[in-house]
Amino acid sequence: MRSRVDTIEAICRDGRSVTMSYESQQLRDFILCQISEHHIMCIQMAAKLLGWKVLSISNHVGVGDLESIGNAQGIMIASPNNNRVLSIRCAPGKPVRAYVKRSPNSAECRLTSAVQQSKWVGINDFYQEICLNRLEGSDFAQKIETIMACFMPDRSEMYA
């Protein structure tokens, strides 16, 4: 007697069920999507641990290059004193891309008739890409933690 498996069913942690054929490429694509999603969850947990604010999180980012497999995930987090915003994009099978935007100091505020509150002054500023390959750390989580630690305010600023 011979038995043959035609499909593989994976049940994700959030309850989703994914049915795949026996081809290894489908399983590979599924695992890459799960890794990408895991990266975003790691950033979210590190942000909460270090006191950063999660501004936005998306499992289906609709901007940027079209992905050949799965969807790109993204997260935006703000430092505890709101002077930096990190935007991180993870796509299956592609390197993680991280960007930082610096909020202007009160001395740099350029209030106009259209922009009347200082919190909206930096909304049109550009993000700068962070080269993750040059950062110390053996894995993704260590590199993200390094970035977040670099942009943390001094303890004296937090409790003053």
Protein backbone atom coordinates (compact mmCIF):
# COMPACT_ATOMS: atom_id res chain seq x y z
CA MET A 1 0.00 0.00 0.00
CA ARG A 2 1.30 3.38 -0.93
CA SER A 3 0.21 6.72 0.45
CA ARG A 4 0.77 10.09 -1.22
CA VAL A 5 0.50 13.56 0.28
CA ASP A 6 -0.88 16.12 -2.16
CA THR A 7 -1.14 19.13 0.12
CA ILE A 8 0.40 20.56 3.25
CA GLU A 9 -1.69 22.66 5.60
CA ALA A 10 0.01 25.12 7.92
CA ILE A 11 -1.95 26.68 10.75
CA CYS A 12 -0.45 30.00 11.78
CA ARG A 13 -0.35 31.32 15.31
CA ASP A 14 -3.06 33.88 14.58
CA GLY A 15 -5.43 31.14 13.40
CA ARG A 16 -4.93 31.52 9.66
CA SER A 17 -4.76 28.31 7.70
CA VAL A 18 -2.54 28.09 4.62
CA THR A 19 -2.80 25.17 2.22
CA MET A 20 0.17 24.49 -0.04
CA SER A 21 1.06 21.86 -2.59
CA TYR A 22 3.94 19.46 -2.01
CA GLU A 23 6.36 21.69 -3.95
CA SER A 24 9.29 22.90 -1.90
CA GLN A 25 9.13 26.42 -3.41
CA GLN A 26 5.72 27.08 -1.83
CA LEU A 27 6.98 25.96 1.56
CA ARG A 28 10.08 28.14 1.13
CA ASP A 29 7.94 31.17 0.26
CA PHE A 30 5.72 30.56 3.28
CA ILE A 31 8.72 30.35 5.62
CA LEU A 32 10.21 33.56 4.19
CA CYS A 33 6.91 35.37 4.79
CA GLN A 34 6.84 34.08 8.36
CA ILE A 35 10.42 35.30 8.95
CA SER A 36 9.49 38.73 7.63
CA GLU A 37 6.46 38.87 9.93
CA HIS A 38 8.61 37.72 12.85
CA HIS A 39 11.05 40.59 12.26
CA ILE A 40 8.22 43.12 12.59
CA MET A 41 6.98 41.48 15.79
CA CYS A 42 10.54 41.58 17.23
CA ILE A 43 10.72 45.32 16.53
CA GLN A 44 7.31 45.87 18.12
CA MET A 45 8.30 44.00 21.30
CA ALA A 46 11.68 45.78 21.51
CA ALA A 47 9.93 49.14 21.08
CA LYS A 48 7.56 48.40 23.96
CA LEU A 49 10.43 47.18 26.13
CA LEU A 50 12.56 50.28 25.51
CA GLY A 51 9.71 52.77 25.86
CA TRP A 52 9.32 53.64 22.18
CA LYS A 53 5.87 54.34 20.74
CA VAL A 54 4.47 52.23 17.91
CA LEU A 55 3.01 54.70 15.43
CA SER A 56 2.02 52.30 12.69
CA ILE A 57 2.28 48.61 11.91
CA SER A 58 1.17 46.91 8.73
CA ASN A 59 1.42 43.38 7.39
CA HIS A 60 0.53 44.57 3.88
CA VAL A 61 2.54 47.66 3.00
CA GLY A 62 1.14 49.19 -0.16
CA VAL A 63 4.11 51.37 -1.09
CA GLY A 64 7.48 50.56 -2.58
CA ASP A 65 8.51 47.83 -4.95
CA LEU A 66 6.07 45.04 -5.77
CA GLU A 67 7.12 41.84 -4.04
CA SER A 68 7.55 38.66 -6.03
CA ILE A 69 6.32 36.56 -3.10
CA GLY A 70 4.10 37.50 -0.20
CA ASN A 71 3.67 41.04 1.09
CA ALA A 72 6.04 43.52 2.62
CA GLN A 73 5.49 44.34 6.28
CA GLY A 74 6.35 47.65 7.87
CA ILE A 75 6.48 49.38 11.22
CA MET A 76 7.01 52.97 12.31
CA ILE A 77 8.13 53.73 15.85
CA ALA A 78 8.95 56.99 17.65
CA SER A 79 11.63 57.45 20.30
CA PRO A 80 10.53 58.14 23.89
CA ASN A 81 11.11 61.88 23.57
CA ASN A 82 9.69 61.99 19.99
CA ASN A 83 12.87 63.34 18.41
CA ARG A 84 13.38 60.36 16.08
CA VAL A 85 11.07 58.18 13.99
CA LEU A 86 12.23 54.81 12.69
CA SER A 87 10.54 53.24 9.71
CA ILE A 88 11.41 49.61 8.98
CA ARG A 89 10.29 47.58 6.00
CA CYS A 90 10.64 43.80 5.82
CA ALA A 91 9.89 41.89 2.64
CA PRO A 92 10.13 38.14 2.12
CA GLY A 93 13.45 37.16 0.60
CA LYS A 94 14.82 40.71 0.57
CA PRO A 95 17.07 42.53 3.00
CA VAL A 96 15.42 44.55 5.76
CA ARG A 97 15.44 48.30 5.10
CA ALA A 98 15.49 50.81 7.93
CA TYR A 99 15.05 54.58 7.75
CA VAL A 100 15.27 57.34 10.35
CA LYS A 101 13.76 60.81 10.45
CA ARG A 102 14.82 63.47 12.92
CA SER A 103 12.16 65.77 14.31
CA PRO A 104 13.15 69.42 14.38
CA ASN A 105 14.14 71.12 17.62
CA SER A 106 11.98 73.96 18.84
CA ALA A 107 14.74 76.34 17.66
CA GLU A 108 14.38 74.97 14.11
CA CYS A 109 10.61 75.36 13.88
CA ARG A 110 9.48 77.15 10.75
CA LEU A 111 5.91 78.13 11.48
CA THR A 112 3.98 79.52 8.55
CA SER A 113 0.40 80.49 7.89
CA ALA A 114 -0.28 76.91 6.76
CA VAL A 115 1.67 75.21 9.59
CA GLN A 116 0.68 76.81 12.85
CA GLN A 117 1.74 74.16 15.39
CA SER A 118 5.33 73.03 15.88
CA LYS A 119 4.37 69.33 15.96
CA TRP A 120 3.54 69.49 12.22
CA VAL A 121 6.75 71.23 11.10
CA GLY A 122 8.76 68.07 10.38
CA ILE A 123 6.02 66.17 8.58
CA ASN A 124 7.53 66.85 5.16
CA ASP A 125 11.14 66.02 6.10
CA PHE A 126 12.95 63.16 4.41
CA TYR A 127 13.96 59.84 5.90
CA GLN A 128 17.60 58.76 5.79
CA GLU A 129 18.39 55.11 5.16
CA ILE A 130 20.35 53.21 7.80
CA CYS A 131 22.83 50.65 6.45
CA LEU A 132 22.15 47.62 8.63
CA ASN A 133 25.15 45.73 7.21
CA ARG A 134 27.54 48.19 8.85
CA LEU A 135 26.01 47.93 12.31
CA GLU A 136 27.43 45.72 15.03
CA GLY A 137 25.37 42.72 15.95
CA SER A 138 25.22 39.13 14.83
CA ASP A 139 21.52 39.11 14.02
CA PHE A 140 18.62 41.34 13.10
CA ALA A 141 17.32 41.82 16.66
CA GLN A 142 20.72 43.01 17.94
CA LYS A 143 21.06 45.51 15.11
CA ILE A 144 17.59 46.98 15.73
CA GLU A 145 18.30 47.17 19.46
CA THR A 146 21.56 49.02 18.70
CA ILE A 147 19.72 51.56 16.55
CA MET A 148 17.07 52.12 19.18
CA ALA A 149 19.67 52.46 21.95
CA CYS A 150 21.58 55.07 19.92
CA PHE A 151 18.49 57.24 19.62
CA MET A 152 17.40 56.89 23.24
CA PRO A 153 17.46 60.10 25.26
CA ASP A 154 19.84 60.45 28.17
CA ARG A 155 18.36 59.34 31.46
CA SER A 156 18.75 62.89 32.77
CA GLU A 157 16.51 64.17 29.95
CA MET A 158 13.83 61.55 30.60
CA TYR A 159 13.46 62.26 34.30
CA ALA A 160 14.11 66.01 34.38
